[in-house]
């Protein structure tokens, strides 16, 4: 999966917007204003290592599932610069299928959407 497919997949979900609140290359995907995915579309650097554009996606994740995913997949690590309990970094190194990546995006989206206040949930349903 490349950035354009990721972006299109996210933006096709109800209530999703994209913005760049931190800098010109860090894209945030939000559902009703709440972040569920973050990625760097520039030349990403993690722990001093240059990873190149769209090297990983930080995705919100249910804490117990986050641990299981990290144990099952070498390309899934605790969230880089995020709460390690609630976020995973999904490395886009080609070892994970697009199907799994979409499933992880769906999980992140639903996790955040389900946690929205009632008014925002109602607004989301109306879209």
N, C-alpha and C. Protein backbone atom coordinates (compact mmCIF):
# COMPACT_ATOMS: atom_id res chain seq x y z
N UNK A 1 0.85 -1.17 0.00
CA UNK A 1 0.00 0.00 0.00
C UNK A 1 0.90 1.24 0.00
N UNK A 2 0.58 2.19 -0.84
CA UNK A 2 1.31 3.45 -0.86
C UNK A 2 0.46 4.53 -0.19
N UNK A 3 1.02 5.73 -0.08
CA UNK A 3 0.32 6.79 0.63
C UNK A 3 -1.01 7.14 -0.04
N UNK A 4 -1.02 7.21 -1.34
CA UNK A 4 -2.27 7.59 -2.03
C UNK A 4 -3.39 6.59 -1.75
N UNK A 5 -3.07 5.30 -1.75
CA UNK A 5 -4.10 4.29 -1.43
C UNK A 5 -4.54 4.42 0.02
N UNK A 6 -3.59 4.62 0.93
CA UNK A 6 -3.91 4.85 2.34
C UNK A 6 -4.82 6.06 2.49
N UNK A 7 -4.43 7.15 1.86
CA UNK A 7 -5.19 8.41 1.95
C UNK A 7 -6.61 8.22 1.42
N UNK A 8 -6.72 7.64 0.25
CA UNK A 8 -8.03 7.41 -0.37
C UNK A 8 -8.90 6.50 0.51
N UNK A 9 -8.30 5.44 1.04
CA UNK A 9 -9.05 4.51 1.88
C UNK A 9 -9.60 5.23 3.11
N UNK A 10 -8.77 6.04 3.74
CA UNK A 10 -9.21 6.77 4.93
C UNK A 10 -10.27 7.82 4.59
N UNK A 11 -10.02 8.61 3.56
CA UNK A 11 -10.93 9.71 3.23
C UNK A 11 -12.28 9.23 2.72
N UNK A 12 -12.38 7.97 2.30
CA UNK A 12 -13.67 7.43 1.88
C UNK A 12 -14.55 7.02 3.05
N UNK A 13 -14.03 7.08 4.27
CA UNK A 13 -14.81 6.76 5.46
C UNK A 13 -15.60 8.01 5.88
N UNK A 14 -16.76 7.76 6.46
CA UNK A 14 -17.63 8.87 6.88
C UNK A 14 -16.93 9.74 7.93
N UNK A 15 -17.02 11.05 7.72
CA UNK A 15 -16.54 12.01 8.70
C UNK A 15 -15.05 12.19 8.77
N UNK A 16 -14.30 11.66 7.80
CA UNK A 16 -12.83 11.72 7.86
C UNK A 16 -12.31 12.94 7.10
N UNK A 17 -11.37 13.61 7.75
CA UNK A 17 -10.64 14.72 7.14
C UNK A 17 -9.14 14.48 7.33
N UNK A 18 -8.37 15.14 6.50
CA UNK A 18 -6.92 15.07 6.59
C UNK A 18 -6.39 16.47 6.87
N UNK A 19 -5.41 16.56 7.76
CA UNK A 19 -4.76 17.84 7.96
C UNK A 19 -3.30 17.62 8.33
N UNK A 20 -2.56 18.73 8.41
CA UNK A 20 -1.13 18.71 8.67
C UNK A 20 -0.83 19.69 9.82
N UNK A 21 -1.25 19.35 11.05
CA UNK A 21 -1.13 20.31 12.15
C UNK A 21 0.29 20.48 12.70
N UNK A 22 1.16 19.53 12.47
CA UNK A 22 2.49 19.56 13.06
C UNK A 22 3.54 20.15 12.13
N UNK A 23 3.49 19.76 10.87
CA UNK A 23 4.42 20.27 9.87
C UNK A 23 3.88 19.89 8.49
N UNK A 24 4.61 20.24 7.46
CA UNK A 24 4.13 20.06 6.09
C UNK A 24 4.12 18.61 5.62
N UNK A 25 4.74 17.70 6.38
CA UNK A 25 4.81 16.31 5.92
C UNK A 25 4.15 15.30 6.85
N UNK A 26 3.64 15.73 7.99
CA UNK A 26 2.99 14.81 8.92
C UNK A 26 1.48 14.91 8.76
N UNK A 27 0.91 13.91 8.10
CA UNK A 27 -0.52 13.90 7.81
C UNK A 27 -1.29 13.22 8.93
N UNK A 28 -2.37 13.85 9.36
CA UNK A 28 -3.27 13.27 10.36
C UNK A 28 -4.61 12.98 9.71
N UNK A 29 -5.12 11.79 9.96
CA UNK A 29 -6.46 11.42 9.53
C UNK A 29 -7.34 11.49 10.77
N UNK A 30 -8.44 12.22 10.64
CA UNK A 30 -9.33 12.43 11.78
C UNK A 30 -10.75 12.03 11.42
N UNK A 31 -11.44 11.46 12.39
CA UNK A 31 -12.87 11.24 12.25
C UNK A 31 -13.55 12.22 13.20
N UNK A 32 -14.35 13.11 12.64
CA UNK A 32 -15.05 14.14 13.40
C UNK A 32 -14.08 14.91 14.29
N UNK A 33 -12.90 15.18 13.76
CA UNK A 33 -11.92 15.99 14.45
C UNK A 33 -10.96 15.24 15.36
N UNK A 34 -11.15 13.94 15.56
CA UNK A 34 -10.30 13.15 16.45
C UNK A 34 -9.37 12.27 15.63
N UNK A 35 -8.08 12.29 15.96
CA UNK A 35 -7.07 11.57 15.18
C UNK A 35 -7.18 10.06 15.39
N UNK A 36 -7.16 9.32 14.28
CA UNK A 36 -7.07 7.86 14.35
C UNK A 36 -5.85 7.32 13.61
N UNK A 37 -5.21 8.15 12.78
CA UNK A 37 -4.02 7.72 12.04
C UNK A 37 -3.12 8.92 11.78
N UNK A 38 -1.81 8.68 11.89
CA UNK A 38 -0.80 9.70 11.60
C UNK A 38 0.31 9.05 10.79
N UNK A 39 0.77 9.76 9.76
CA UNK A 39 1.90 9.24 8.99
C UNK A 39 2.74 10.39 8.46
N UNK A 40 4.00 10.12 8.22
CA UNK A 40 4.91 11.10 7.65
C UNK A 40 5.05 10.79 6.16
N UNK A 41 4.72 11.78 5.34
CA UNK A 41 4.82 11.56 3.89
C UNK A 41 6.12 12.13 3.33
N UNK A 42 6.96 12.66 4.22
CA UNK A 42 8.27 13.14 3.82
C UNK A 42 9.30 12.06 4.09
N UNK A 43 10.52 12.47 4.23
CA UNK A 43 11.59 11.52 4.53
C UNK A 43 11.60 11.26 6.03
N UNK A 44 10.87 10.24 6.45
CA UNK A 44 10.74 9.91 7.86
C UNK A 44 12.04 9.46 8.48
N UNK A 45 12.26 9.88 9.73
CA UNK A 45 13.44 9.48 10.48
C UNK A 45 12.97 8.97 11.83
N UNK A 46 13.36 7.76 12.19
CA UNK A 46 13.02 7.18 13.48
C UNK A 46 14.31 6.78 14.16
N UNK A 47 14.49 7.28 15.38
CA UNK A 47 15.68 6.97 16.17
C UNK A 47 16.96 7.18 15.37
N UNK A 48 16.99 8.28 14.59
CA UNK A 48 18.17 8.61 13.82
C UNK A 48 18.32 7.86 12.51
N UNK A 49 17.40 6.94 12.23
CA UNK A 49 17.48 6.13 11.01
C UNK A 49 16.53 6.70 9.95
N UNK A 50 17.05 7.07 8.80
CA UNK A 50 16.22 7.58 7.70
C UNK A 50 15.43 6.42 7.11
N UNK A 51 14.11 6.57 7.09
CA UNK A 51 13.25 5.49 6.61
C UNK A 51 12.62 5.78 5.26
N UNK A 52 12.66 7.01 4.80
CA UNK A 52 12.05 7.37 3.53
C UNK A 52 10.58 7.73 3.71
N UNK A 53 9.96 8.21 2.62
CA UNK A 53 8.57 8.64 2.70
C UNK A 53 7.61 7.48 2.98
N UNK A 54 6.57 7.77 3.75
CA UNK A 54 5.51 6.82 4.08
C UNK A 54 6.08 5.50 4.59
N UNK A 55 7.01 5.60 5.54
CA UNK A 55 7.67 4.41 6.08
C UNK A 55 6.80 3.66 7.09
N UNK A 56 5.95 4.41 7.80
CA UNK A 56 5.06 3.76 8.76
C UNK A 56 3.84 4.64 9.02
N UNK A 57 2.80 4.00 9.57
CA UNK A 57 1.58 4.69 9.97
C UNK A 57 1.40 4.44 11.46
N UNK A 58 1.14 5.49 12.21
CA UNK A 58 0.73 5.31 13.60
C UNK A 58 -0.80 5.17 13.60
N UNK A 59 -1.27 4.06 14.16
CA UNK A 59 -2.71 3.79 14.21
C UNK A 59 -3.16 3.55 15.64
N UNK A 60 -4.28 4.15 15.99
CA UNK A 60 -4.89 3.92 17.30
C UNK A 60 -5.28 2.45 17.38
N UNK A 61 -5.15 1.85 18.57
CA UNK A 61 -5.46 0.43 18.71
C UNK A 61 -5.90 0.13 20.13
N UNK A 62 -6.81 -0.77 20.27
CA UNK A 62 -7.26 -1.25 21.58
C UNK A 62 -6.04 -1.88 22.24
N UNK A 63 -5.76 -1.54 23.52
CA UNK A 63 -4.49 -1.93 24.15
C UNK A 63 -4.16 -3.43 24.10
N UNK A 64 -5.10 -4.31 24.40
CA UNK A 64 -4.78 -5.74 24.39
C UNK A 64 -4.51 -6.24 22.97
N UNK A 65 -5.26 -5.71 22.03
CA UNK A 65 -5.02 -6.09 20.63
C UNK A 65 -3.67 -5.57 20.15
N UNK A 66 -3.30 -4.39 20.62
CA UNK A 66 -2.01 -3.81 20.23
C UNK A 66 -0.86 -4.75 20.60
N UNK A 67 -0.92 -5.30 21.80
CA UNK A 67 0.12 -6.23 22.26
C UNK A 67 0.15 -7.48 21.38
N UNK A 68 -1.01 -8.04 21.11
CA UNK A 68 -1.07 -9.25 20.28
C UNK A 68 -0.51 -9.00 18.88
N UNK A 69 -0.87 -7.88 18.29
CA UNK A 69 -0.37 -7.55 16.95
C UNK A 69 1.14 -7.42 16.93
N UNK A 70 1.70 -6.82 17.96
CA UNK A 70 3.15 -6.66 18.05
C UNK A 70 3.85 -8.01 18.18
N UNK A 71 3.20 -8.93 18.89
CA UNK A 71 3.78 -10.27 19.05
C UNK A 71 3.70 -11.07 17.75
N UNK A 72 2.65 -10.85 16.96
CA UNK A 72 2.42 -11.62 15.74
C UNK A 72 3.16 -11.08 14.52
N UNK A 73 3.46 -9.79 14.50
CA UNK A 73 4.01 -9.16 13.29
C UNK A 73 5.23 -8.31 13.64
N UNK A 74 6.34 -8.63 13.06
CA UNK A 74 7.58 -7.89 13.27
C UNK A 74 7.44 -6.43 12.83
N UNK A 75 6.59 -6.16 11.85
CA UNK A 75 6.43 -4.82 11.30
C UNK A 75 5.50 -3.93 12.13
N UNK A 76 4.95 -4.46 13.21
CA UNK A 76 4.08 -3.66 14.08
C UNK A 76 4.79 -3.47 15.41
N UNK A 77 5.03 -2.20 15.73
CA UNK A 77 5.79 -1.81 16.92
C UNK A 77 4.94 -0.87 17.78
N UNK A 78 5.36 -0.63 19.02
CA UNK A 78 4.69 0.39 19.83
C UNK A 78 4.74 1.74 19.11
N UNK A 79 3.70 2.54 19.26
CA UNK A 79 3.60 3.80 18.54
C UNK A 79 4.76 4.75 18.76
N UNK A 80 5.36 5.19 17.67
CA UNK A 80 6.49 6.11 17.70
C UNK A 80 5.96 7.50 18.10
N UNK A 81 6.48 8.05 19.16
CA UNK A 81 6.09 9.35 19.70
C UNK A 81 4.61 9.41 20.09
N UNK A 82 4.04 8.28 20.45
CA UNK A 82 2.64 8.20 20.85
C UNK A 82 2.54 7.38 22.13
N UNK A 83 1.37 7.34 22.71
CA UNK A 83 1.15 6.47 23.86
C UNK A 83 1.35 5.02 23.40
N UNK A 84 2.31 4.35 24.00
CA UNK A 84 2.62 2.96 23.60
C UNK A 84 1.46 2.03 23.91
N UNK A 85 0.62 2.40 24.84
CA UNK A 85 -0.52 1.57 25.21
C UNK A 85 -1.62 1.62 24.16
N UNK A 86 -1.83 2.79 23.56
CA UNK A 86 -2.98 2.99 22.68
C UNK A 86 -2.65 3.14 21.20
N UNK A 87 -1.38 3.11 20.84
CA UNK A 87 -0.99 3.33 19.46
C UNK A 87 0.05 2.31 19.01
N UNK A 88 -0.06 1.90 17.76
CA UNK A 88 0.94 1.05 17.11
C UNK A 88 1.53 1.80 15.92
N UNK A 89 2.80 1.56 15.67
CA UNK A 89 3.43 2.00 14.42
C UNK A 89 3.46 0.80 13.49
N UNK A 90 2.80 0.94 12.35
CA UNK A 90 2.72 -0.13 11.36
C UNK A 90 3.72 0.22 10.27
N UNK A 91 4.81 -0.54 10.23
CA UNK A 91 5.88 -0.26 9.26
C UNK A 91 5.48 -0.79 7.89
N UNK A 92 5.59 0.10 6.92
CA UNK A 92 5.18 -0.19 5.55
C UNK A 92 6.36 -0.77 4.77
N UNK A 93 6.83 -1.92 5.25
CA UNK A 93 8.02 -2.54 4.66
C UNK A 93 7.68 -3.66 3.68
N UNK A 94 6.39 -3.83 3.37
CA UNK A 94 5.97 -4.84 2.40
C UNK A 94 5.68 -6.20 3.01
N UNK A 95 5.86 -6.36 4.32
CA UNK A 95 5.62 -7.67 4.94
C UNK A 95 4.17 -7.86 5.37
N UNK A 96 3.40 -6.79 5.45
CA UNK A 96 1.98 -6.88 5.84
C UNK A 96 1.11 -6.72 4.60
N UNK A 97 0.07 -7.50 4.53
CA UNK A 97 -0.84 -7.42 3.37
C UNK A 97 -1.67 -6.14 3.44
N UNK A 98 -2.11 -5.67 2.28
CA UNK A 98 -3.01 -4.53 2.24
C UNK A 98 -4.30 -4.84 3.00
N UNK A 99 -4.73 -6.09 2.95
CA UNK A 99 -5.94 -6.49 3.67
C UNK A 99 -5.77 -6.28 5.17
N UNK A 100 -4.63 -6.70 5.72
CA UNK A 100 -4.38 -6.49 7.15
C UNK A 100 -4.26 -5.01 7.47
N UNK A 101 -3.57 -4.25 6.64
CA UNK A 101 -3.42 -2.82 6.89
C UNK A 101 -4.79 -2.13 6.89
N UNK A 102 -5.65 -2.50 5.94
CA UNK A 102 -7.00 -1.93 5.92
C UNK A 102 -7.78 -2.32 7.17
N UNK A 103 -7.62 -3.54 7.62
CA UNK A 103 -8.28 -3.99 8.85
C UNK A 103 -7.81 -3.16 10.05
N UNK A 104 -6.52 -2.87 10.11
CA UNK A 104 -5.98 -2.06 11.20
C UNK A 104 -6.47 -0.62 11.12
N UNK A 105 -6.59 -0.08 9.92
CA UNK A 105 -7.16 1.26 9.73
C UNK A 105 -8.61 1.27 10.18
N UNK A 106 -9.37 0.25 9.76
CA UNK A 106 -10.78 0.15 10.16
C UNK A 106 -10.91 0.11 11.67
N UNK A 107 -10.07 -0.69 12.32
CA UNK A 107 -10.10 -0.81 13.78
C UNK A 107 -9.83 0.55 14.43
N UNK A 108 -8.82 1.26 13.94
CA UNK A 108 -8.47 2.57 14.49
C UNK A 108 -9.63 3.55 14.32
N UNK A 109 -10.21 3.57 13.13
CA UNK A 109 -11.34 4.45 12.84
C UNK A 109 -12.51 4.16 13.77
N UNK A 110 -12.89 2.89 13.87
CA UNK A 110 -14.04 2.53 14.70
C UNK A 110 -13.78 2.78 16.18
N UNK A 111 -12.57 2.54 16.62
CA UNK A 111 -12.20 2.78 18.02
C UNK A 111 -12.41 4.25 18.37
N UNK A 112 -11.96 5.13 17.50
CA UNK A 112 -12.11 6.57 17.75
C UNK A 112 -13.56 7.00 17.56
N UNK A 113 -14.20 6.52 16.50
CA UNK A 113 -15.60 6.89 16.26
C UNK A 113 -16.49 6.46 17.42
N UNK A 114 -16.24 5.28 17.96
CA UNK A 114 -17.06 4.78 19.07
C UNK A 114 -16.82 5.56 20.36
N UNK A 115 -15.69 6.26 20.46
CA UNK A 115 -15.38 7.02 21.67
C UNK A 115 -15.84 8.47 21.59
N UNK A 116 -16.41 8.87 20.47
CA UNK A 116 -16.85 10.25 20.30
C UNK A 116 -18.01 10.57 21.25
N UNK A 117 -18.13 11.83 21.63
CA UNK A 117 -19.31 12.24 22.40
C UNK A 117 -20.59 12.01 21.60
N UNK A 118 -21.69 11.86 22.29
CA UNK A 118 -22.97 11.53 21.64
C UNK A 118 -23.31 12.48 20.49
N UNK A 119 -23.12 13.77 20.68
CA UNK A 119 -23.47 14.73 19.62
C UNK A 119 -22.66 14.46 18.36
N UNK A 120 -21.36 14.23 18.52
CA UNK A 120 -20.53 13.95 17.34
C UNK A 120 -20.91 12.61 16.70
N UNK A 121 -21.24 11.61 17.52
CA UNK A 121 -21.71 10.33 16.96
C UNK A 121 -22.98 10.55 16.15
N UNK A 122 -23.90 11.34 16.68
CA UNK A 122 -25.13 11.63 15.96
C UNK A 122 -24.85 12.38 14.66
N UNK A 123 -23.92 13.35 14.72
CA UNK A 123 -23.53 14.09 13.50
C UNK A 123 -22.91 13.14 12.48
N UNK A 124 -22.09 12.21 12.93
CA UNK A 124 -21.46 11.24 12.04
C UNK A 124 -22.49 10.37 11.35
N UNK A 125 -23.50 9.95 12.09
CA UNK A 125 -24.57 9.12 11.51
C UNK A 125 -25.33 9.86 10.42
N UNK A 126 -25.40 11.20 10.53
CA UNK A 126 -26.14 11.99 9.56
C UNK A 126 -25.38 12.22 8.25
N UNK A 127 -24.10 11.91 8.24
CA UNK A 127 -23.30 12.12 7.03
C UNK A 127 -23.58 11.07 5.98
